[in-house]
Protein backbone atom coordinates (compact mmCIF):
# COMPACT_ATOMS: atom_id res chain seq x y z
CA MET A 1 51.47 38.33 -9.36
CA ARG A 2 47.91 38.32 -10.73
CA ASP A 3 49.21 37.78 -14.29
CA ASP A 4 51.38 34.90 -13.08
CA LEU A 5 48.38 33.31 -11.35
CA SER A 6 46.24 33.68 -14.48
CA ALA A 7 48.97 32.12 -16.60
CA LEU A 8 49.31 29.23 -14.15
CA THR A 9 45.54 28.69 -14.14
CA GLY A 10 45.45 28.71 -17.93
CA PHE A 11 48.29 26.22 -18.08
CA GLY A 12 46.50 23.99 -15.59
CA ARG A 13 43.37 24.01 -17.73
CA LYS A 14 45.36 23.05 -20.82
CA VAL A 15 46.95 20.13 -19.00
CA SER A 16 43.53 19.09 -17.69
CA ASP A 17 42.04 19.22 -21.20
CA ILE A 18 44.86 16.97 -22.46
CA LEU A 19 44.33 14.42 -19.69
CA LEU A 20 40.51 14.72 -19.72
CA PRO A 21 39.52 16.19 -23.09
CA PRO A 22 36.14 18.01 -23.20
CA LEU A 23 33.38 15.84 -24.63
CA CYS A 24 29.80 16.55 -25.64
CA THR A 25 27.58 16.04 -22.59
CA ALA A 26 25.02 14.19 -24.72
CA CYS A 27 26.97 12.08 -27.22
CA SER A 28 30.64 12.22 -26.05
CA ARG A 29 31.99 13.71 -29.28
CA ALA A 30 34.98 16.04 -28.85
CA VAL A 31 34.02 19.70 -28.17
CA ASP A 32 35.93 22.88 -27.34
CA THR A 33 34.87 23.26 -23.69
CA HIS A 34 33.74 21.03 -20.84
CA GLU A 35 30.01 20.74 -20.07
CA ASN A 36 28.85 21.72 -23.52
CA LEU A 37 27.17 20.13 -26.53
CA CYS A 38 28.46 19.47 -30.01
CA ALA A 39 26.79 21.40 -32.84
CA GLU A 40 24.63 18.43 -33.87
CA CYS A 41 23.27 17.80 -30.37
CA TRP A 42 22.76 21.52 -29.73
CA ALA A 43 20.66 21.78 -32.89
CA ASP A 44 18.47 18.93 -31.61
CA VAL A 45 17.52 20.72 -28.36
CA ASP A 46 14.09 22.27 -28.94
CA PHE A 47 14.48 25.38 -26.78
CA ILE A 48 11.27 27.13 -25.73
CA CYS A 49 11.55 30.78 -26.72
CA ARG A 50 8.96 33.49 -27.14
CA PRO A 51 6.15 33.43 -27.98
CA TYR A 52 5.04 31.43 -24.95
CA CYS A 53 2.30 31.67 -22.33
CA ASP A 54 3.48 34.05 -19.63
CA VAL A 55 1.77 31.94 -16.96
CA LEU A 56 2.42 28.32 -17.99
CA GLY A 57 5.55 28.88 -20.07
CA VAL A 58 4.24 26.62 -22.85
CA PRO A 59 5.07 27.58 -26.45
CA LEU A 60 2.47 29.40 -28.53
CA PRO A 61 1.92 29.09 -32.31
CA TYR A 62 2.21 32.82 -33.00
CA ASP A 63 3.06 36.07 -31.23
CA PRO A 64 0.04 38.33 -30.61
CA GLY A 65 2.31 40.91 -28.96
CA GLY A 66 2.72 41.89 -25.33
CA LEU A 67 2.09 39.60 -22.36
CA THR A 68 0.10 36.56 -23.45
CA VAL A 69 -1.91 34.10 -21.38
CA SER A 70 -2.99 30.84 -23.01
CA ALA A 71 -6.52 29.45 -22.92
CA ALA A 72 -5.30 26.63 -20.67
CA ALA A 73 -4.05 29.13 -18.06
CA LEU A 74 -7.31 31.10 -18.22
CA THR A 75 -9.46 27.98 -17.98
CA GLN A 76 -7.68 26.56 -14.96
CA LYS A 77 -5.34 29.09 -13.41
CA PRO A 78 -2.40 27.40 -11.66
CA ARG A 79 -1.56 28.17 -8.06
CA TYR A 80 1.98 29.17 -9.01
CA ASP A 81 2.44 32.59 -10.59
CA ARG A 82 4.67 32.02 -13.63
CA ALA A 83 6.54 29.09 -15.14
CA ARG A 84 9.53 29.08 -17.45
CA ILE A 85 10.95 26.01 -19.19
CA VAL A 86 14.27 25.56 -20.98
CA ALA A 87 13.16 23.16 -23.73
CA ARG A 88 10.65 20.58 -24.86
CA TYR A 89 11.13 17.10 -23.46
CA THR A 90 12.23 15.58 -26.76
CA GLY A 91 15.39 14.42 -28.51
CA VAL A 92 18.65 15.38 -26.86
CA MET A 93 16.95 17.08 -23.92
CA ARG A 94 15.10 13.89 -23.08
CA LYS A 95 18.38 11.98 -23.34
CA LEU A 96 20.15 14.44 -21.02
CA VAL A 97 17.37 14.30 -18.41
CA HIS A 98 17.27 10.49 -18.47
CA ALA A 99 21.06 10.28 -18.12
CA MET A 100 20.95 12.63 -15.13
CA LYS A 101 17.90 11.07 -13.51
CA TYR A 102 18.46 7.36 -13.98
CA SER A 103 22.15 6.88 -14.82
CA ASP A 104 23.76 9.29 -12.31
CA GLN A 105 25.40 11.30 -15.11
CA LEU A 106 25.86 14.66 -13.39
CA ASP A 107 28.37 16.32 -15.69
CA GLY A 108 25.82 18.83 -17.03
CA HIS A 109 25.82 20.95 -13.86
CA ARG A 110 27.15 24.19 -15.36
CA LEU A 111 25.35 23.68 -18.67
CA PHE A 112 21.96 23.19 -17.00
CA GLY A 113 22.61 26.16 -14.70
CA ARG A 114 23.29 28.44 -17.67
CA TRP A 115 20.23 27.23 -19.53
CA MET A 116 17.87 27.69 -16.59
CA ASN A 117 19.29 31.11 -15.79
CA LYS A 118 18.61 32.24 -19.35
CA ALA A 119 15.11 30.75 -19.39
CA ALA A 120 14.23 32.43 -16.07
CA THR A 121 15.88 35.75 -16.85
CA ASP A 122 12.64 37.70 -16.27
CA LEU A 123 12.03 35.97 -12.92
CA ILE A 124 15.40 35.69 -11.25
CA ASN A 125 15.92 39.30 -10.11
CA ASP A 126 12.97 39.11 -7.72
CA VAL A 127 13.80 35.69 -6.26
CA ASP A 128 14.72 35.33 -2.58
CA ILE A 129 15.28 31.59 -2.52
CA LEU A 130 15.41 28.54 -4.81
CA ILE A 131 13.47 25.49 -3.59
CA PRO A 132 13.66 22.11 -5.38
CA VAL A 133 10.66 19.82 -5.64
CA PRO A 134 11.33 17.12 -3.00
CA LEU A 135 11.40 13.36 -3.47
CA SER A 136 9.91 10.86 -1.05
CA ARG A 137 12.42 9.20 1.29
CA ARG A 138 12.05 5.90 -0.52
CA ARG A 139 12.62 7.39 -3.96
CA LEU A 140 15.54 9.44 -2.68
CA TRP A 141 17.08 6.30 -1.20
CA LEU A 142 16.63 4.39 -4.47
CA ARG A 143 18.04 7.17 -6.69
CA ARG A 144 20.63 8.35 -4.13
CA PHE A 145 20.07 12.00 -5.07
CA ASN A 146 17.28 14.44 -5.90
CA GLN A 147 17.64 15.67 -9.48
CA ALA A 148 15.61 18.81 -8.71
CA ALA A 149 18.02 19.67 -5.87
CA PHE A 150 20.92 19.09 -8.27
CA LEU A 151 19.37 21.57 -10.72
CA ALA A 152 18.61 24.09 -7.97
CA ASP A 153 22.26 23.97 -6.93
CA ALA A 154 23.34 24.47 -10.55
CA LEU A 155 21.10 27.54 -10.84
CA SER A 156 22.34 28.84 -7.49
CA VAL A 157 25.97 28.64 -8.67
CA GLU A 158 25.02 30.55 -11.81
CA THR A 159 22.95 33.29 -10.13
CA GLY A 160 24.15 33.55 -6.53
CA VAL A 161 20.60 33.00 -5.23
CA THR A 162 20.53 30.57 -2.28
CA ALA A 163 19.11 27.11 -2.90
CA ASN A 164 17.57 25.33 0.09
CA PRO A 165 16.41 21.70 -0.28
CA MET A 166 15.43 21.53 3.41
CA ILE A 167 12.30 23.71 3.28
CA LEU A 168 9.79 21.63 1.36
CA SER A 169 9.14 17.97 2.18
CA ARG A 170 6.86 15.16 1.13
CA ASN A 171 4.36 14.27 3.83
CA ARG A 172 3.60 10.97 2.17
CA ALA A 173 4.85 8.81 -0.66
CA THR A 174 2.88 9.06 -3.91
CA ARG A 175 2.56 6.64 -6.77
CA SER A 176 4.44 7.43 -9.95
CA GLN A 177 2.75 10.09 -12.08
CA VAL A 178 3.64 8.26 -15.29
CA GLY A 179 0.51 7.16 -17.15
CA LEU A 180 -1.93 9.10 -14.96
CA THR A 181 -4.46 11.59 -16.32
CA LEU A 182 -4.37 15.23 -15.25
CA SER A 183 -7.12 14.75 -12.67
CA GLN A 184 -5.43 11.59 -11.36
CA ARG A 185 -2.11 13.41 -11.07
CA ARG A 186 -3.67 16.27 -9.10
CA LYS A 187 -5.41 13.85 -6.74
CA ASN A 188 -2.20 11.84 -6.38
CA VAL A 189 -0.15 14.81 -5.13
CA SER A 190 -2.91 16.63 -3.24
CA GLY A 191 -1.71 17.23 0.31
CA ALA A 192 1.53 15.38 -0.38
CA PHE A 193 3.84 18.31 0.45
CA GLY A 194 4.55 20.33 3.55
CA VAL A 195 6.85 23.11 4.77
CA LYS A 196 9.13 21.96 7.56
CA ARG A 197 8.38 23.62 10.89
CA ARG A 198 11.84 25.15 11.26
CA ALA A 199 11.65 26.61 7.74
CA LYS A 200 8.31 28.42 7.98
CA LYS A 201 9.86 31.80 8.84
CA SER A 202 12.06 31.71 5.75
CA VAL A 203 9.01 31.13 3.54
CA GLN A 204 6.79 33.89 4.91
CA GLY A 205 6.75 36.89 2.57
CA ALA A 206 9.37 35.34 0.30
CA ASN A 207 9.52 35.31 -3.50
CA ILE A 208 10.30 31.68 -4.29
CA LEU A 209 11.51 30.02 -7.47
CA LEU A 210 10.50 26.36 -7.44
CA VAL A 211 12.89 24.10 -9.38
CA ASP A 212 12.01 20.81 -11.11
CA ASP A 213 13.48 18.68 -13.87
CA VAL A 214 10.45 17.87 -16.06
CA ILE A 215 6.90 19.23 -16.04
CA THR A 216 4.19 17.12 -17.66
CA THR A 217 0.82 18.51 -16.59
CA GLY A 218 2.12 20.79 -13.85
CA ALA A 219 0.21 18.97 -11.08
CA THR A 220 3.28 18.45 -8.88
CA VAL A 221 4.63 22.02 -9.04
CA ASP A 222 1.08 23.31 -8.59
CA ALA A 223 0.70 21.30 -5.37
CA CYS A 224 4.10 22.52 -4.15
CA ALA A 225 3.18 26.14 -4.91
CA HIS A 226 -0.09 25.77 -3.01
CA THR A 227 1.80 24.45 0.01
CA LEU A 228 4.32 27.29 -0.07
CA LYS A 229 1.66 29.98 -0.47
CA THR A 230 -0.39 28.49 2.35
CA ALA A 231 2.76 28.82 4.48
CA GLY A 232 2.92 32.53 3.62
CA ALA A 233 5.05 32.81 0.48
CA ALA A 234 4.40 36.08 -1.37
CA ARG A 235 5.09 34.63 -4.80
CA VAL A 236 5.95 31.21 -6.24
CA ASP A 237 7.36 30.95 -9.75
CA VAL A 238 8.63 27.79 -11.45
CA ILE A 239 11.67 26.91 -13.55
CA ALA A 240 12.08 23.49 -15.17
CA LEU A 241 14.64 21.98 -17.48
CA ALA A 242 12.03 20.44 -19.78
CA ARG A 243 8.32 20.17 -20.40
CA VAL A 244 6.13 17.61 -22.11
CA THR A 245 4.18 19.87 -24.45
CA ASP A 246 0.70 19.38 -25.81
CA ASN A 247 -0.63 21.19 -28.85
CA ASP A 248 -3.86 21.87 -26.96
CA LEU A 249 -1.92 23.84 -24.32
CA ALA A 250 -0.44 26.06 -26.98
CA ILE A 251 -3.74 27.48 -28.23
CA ILE A 252 -4.54 30.99 -27.02
């Protein structure tokens, strides 16, 4: 019976691939499997691999061996514990994020989940809950969905860790972070987040993995981490799909 079911499932997939052939998530060229990239697009994703700063997750120019903390992390320690990022916010990754964020192209769900799971492999075993960075009500209404919540769900499917978008909220709307300096970004999001009253018990003593799409300076995830720790979280780590990197951040 099990063999018959497997055969039927395989047949169904073949029919589905004929009717809806798998295409590259970035450029729509034909590929072997759904939610994947062609070889050319894959080669253009600048994945962040070791060596990187074990606190900020930013790439480093060389590997000094062992755990490494960058000068940026030592100079101004973030309020989150560790961050991991899938890739630099360039090329195909930038195209994928823009398509998801502004064009409602959500067919990278499994692909993004796999990528984030791999990037956060040293964090995920200790995680109790996944929490996406929230949008303001106005921005959520305009975009119709929260891309961070979409990514948290993708990672949840991949890992089995529960994602809960109803824990963290924005207490007030903030101006766009685009074009702001680091100090302006931190001031912009200071006090902007809160833990919902009904969710405070689930935060206390928890190891949390905060999920976002793109990190630029880290001001937003830092403010979220501060809010969660103030509410009693034991640990707050961060996973993001992409990061805007700066050569200055990559100097030990």
